[in-house]
């Protein structure tokens, strides 16, 4: 119980939430009584297991260390085409743009 009191003291933290067959790391928010009143709609990261989440977090931490002196400015990113074929030029951009153009089943 002491560990849980430590968690609630900060009023929010990251928690693993399993939804269907996926494990996600979500920001979770607590009220003054230490009860969950909200969490992110979408996970910060997602994996097939808790070990996947740990692996991704280690990779993210390593990437932050490698790139900390080469921060990209969001509005200055010049996206290149995904493929050399000119008809696929509309696939460059954000991951959301890419997924919107990805064939649906």
Protein backbone atom coordinates (compact mmCIF):
# COMPACT_ATOMS: atom_id res chain seq x y z
CA UNK A 1 0.00 0.00 0.00
CA UNK A 2 2.90 2.37 0.71
CA UNK A 3 4.04 2.01 -2.92
CA UNK A 4 0.56 2.95 -4.16
CA UNK A 5 0.51 6.00 -1.90
CA UNK A 6 3.79 7.08 -3.48
CA UNK A 7 2.25 6.68 -6.96
CA UNK A 8 -0.82 8.75 -6.08
CA UNK A 9 1.22 11.51 -4.44
CA UNK A 10 2.22 12.78 -7.86
CA UNK A 11 -1.40 12.85 -9.17
CA UNK A 12 -0.44 11.33 -12.53
CA UNK A 13 1.88 8.69 -13.87
CA UNK A 14 2.25 6.23 -16.68
CA UNK A 15 0.43 2.94 -16.30
CA UNK A 16 0.25 -0.18 -18.42
CA UNK A 17 -3.28 -0.81 -19.66
CA UNK A 18 -4.17 -3.95 -21.59
CA UNK A 19 -6.82 -3.52 -24.28
CA UNK A 20 -7.74 -6.58 -26.31
CA UNK A 21 -4.38 -8.23 -27.14
CA UNK A 22 -2.25 -5.08 -26.86
CA UNK A 23 -0.43 -3.52 -23.95
CA UNK A 24 -0.23 0.26 -23.89
CA UNK A 25 1.58 2.79 -21.76
CA UNK A 26 -0.91 5.52 -20.88
CA UNK A 27 -0.77 8.69 -18.82
CA UNK A 28 -3.19 8.13 -15.93
CA UNK A 29 -4.56 10.93 -13.74
CA UNK A 30 -5.74 10.61 -10.13
CA UNK A 31 -8.13 12.66 -8.00
CA UNK A 32 -7.39 13.76 -4.43
CA UNK A 33 -8.57 10.38 -3.15
CA UNK A 34 -6.00 8.59 -5.33
CA UNK A 35 -8.64 7.16 -7.67
CA UNK A 36 -8.24 7.23 -11.44
CA UNK A 37 -10.40 9.92 -13.01
CA UNK A 38 -8.89 9.93 -16.51
CA UNK A 39 -6.30 8.44 -18.84
CA UNK A 40 -5.05 9.25 -22.32
CA UNK A 41 -7.36 8.20 -25.11
CA UNK A 42 -4.43 6.66 -26.98
CA UNK A 43 -1.33 5.00 -25.52
CA UNK A 44 2.03 6.74 -25.65
CA UNK A 45 3.52 3.45 -26.86
CA UNK A 46 1.96 0.08 -27.58
CA UNK A 47 3.30 -3.45 -27.73
CA UNK A 48 2.31 -7.10 -27.72
CA UNK A 49 3.69 -7.59 -24.19
CA UNK A 50 5.09 -5.75 -21.19
CA UNK A 51 8.56 -6.78 -22.39
CA UNK A 52 7.83 -5.04 -25.72
CA UNK A 53 7.03 -1.83 -23.84
CA UNK A 54 10.29 -2.09 -21.90
CA UNK A 55 12.24 -2.71 -25.12
CA UNK A 56 10.66 0.31 -26.83
CA UNK A 57 11.34 2.54 -23.81
CA UNK A 58 15.01 1.52 -23.80
CA UNK A 59 15.20 2.27 -27.53
CA UNK A 60 13.49 5.64 -27.03
CA UNK A 61 15.88 6.55 -24.21
CA UNK A 62 18.86 5.59 -26.35
CA UNK A 63 17.52 7.64 -29.26
CA UNK A 64 17.07 10.69 -27.01
CA UNK A 65 20.70 10.38 -25.91
CA UNK A 66 21.90 10.04 -29.51
CA UNK A 67 19.81 12.93 -30.87
CA UNK A 68 19.77 15.40 -27.97
CA UNK A 69 22.07 17.78 -29.87
CA UNK A 70 20.22 17.42 -33.18
CA UNK A 71 16.64 18.40 -32.29
CA UNK A 72 14.37 18.77 -35.32
CA UNK A 73 12.07 21.79 -35.63
CA UNK A 74 8.58 20.42 -36.35
CA UNK A 75 7.70 22.99 -39.03
CA UNK A 76 11.11 22.77 -40.72
CA UNK A 77 11.08 19.06 -41.60
CA UNK A 78 11.34 18.62 -45.36
CA UNK A 79 9.76 15.24 -46.08
CA UNK A 80 11.26 13.20 -48.90
CA UNK A 81 9.20 10.81 -51.01
CA UNK A 82 8.88 7.34 -49.53
CA UNK A 83 9.70 5.76 -52.89
CA UNK A 84 11.44 6.88 -56.07
CA UNK A 85 8.28 6.23 -58.11
CA UNK A 86 6.63 9.60 -58.81
CA UNK A 87 3.09 8.25 -58.43
CA UNK A 88 3.80 7.50 -54.75
CA UNK A 89 4.94 11.05 -53.90
CA UNK A 90 1.74 11.65 -51.92
CA UNK A 91 2.95 9.17 -49.29
CA UNK A 92 5.54 11.53 -47.83
CA UNK A 93 4.66 13.36 -44.62
CA UNK A 94 3.53 12.36 -41.16
CA UNK A 95 2.78 8.83 -40.06
CA UNK A 96 -0.90 9.78 -39.89
CA UNK A 97 -0.78 10.92 -43.53
CA UNK A 98 0.91 7.66 -44.47
CA UNK A 99 -1.66 5.54 -42.59
CA UNK A 100 -4.57 7.49 -44.14
CA UNK A 101 -3.28 6.47 -47.59
CA UNK A 102 -2.53 2.87 -46.58
CA UNK A 103 -4.93 0.35 -48.17
CA UNK A 104 -7.60 -0.77 -45.70
CA UNK A 105 -8.73 -4.39 -45.49
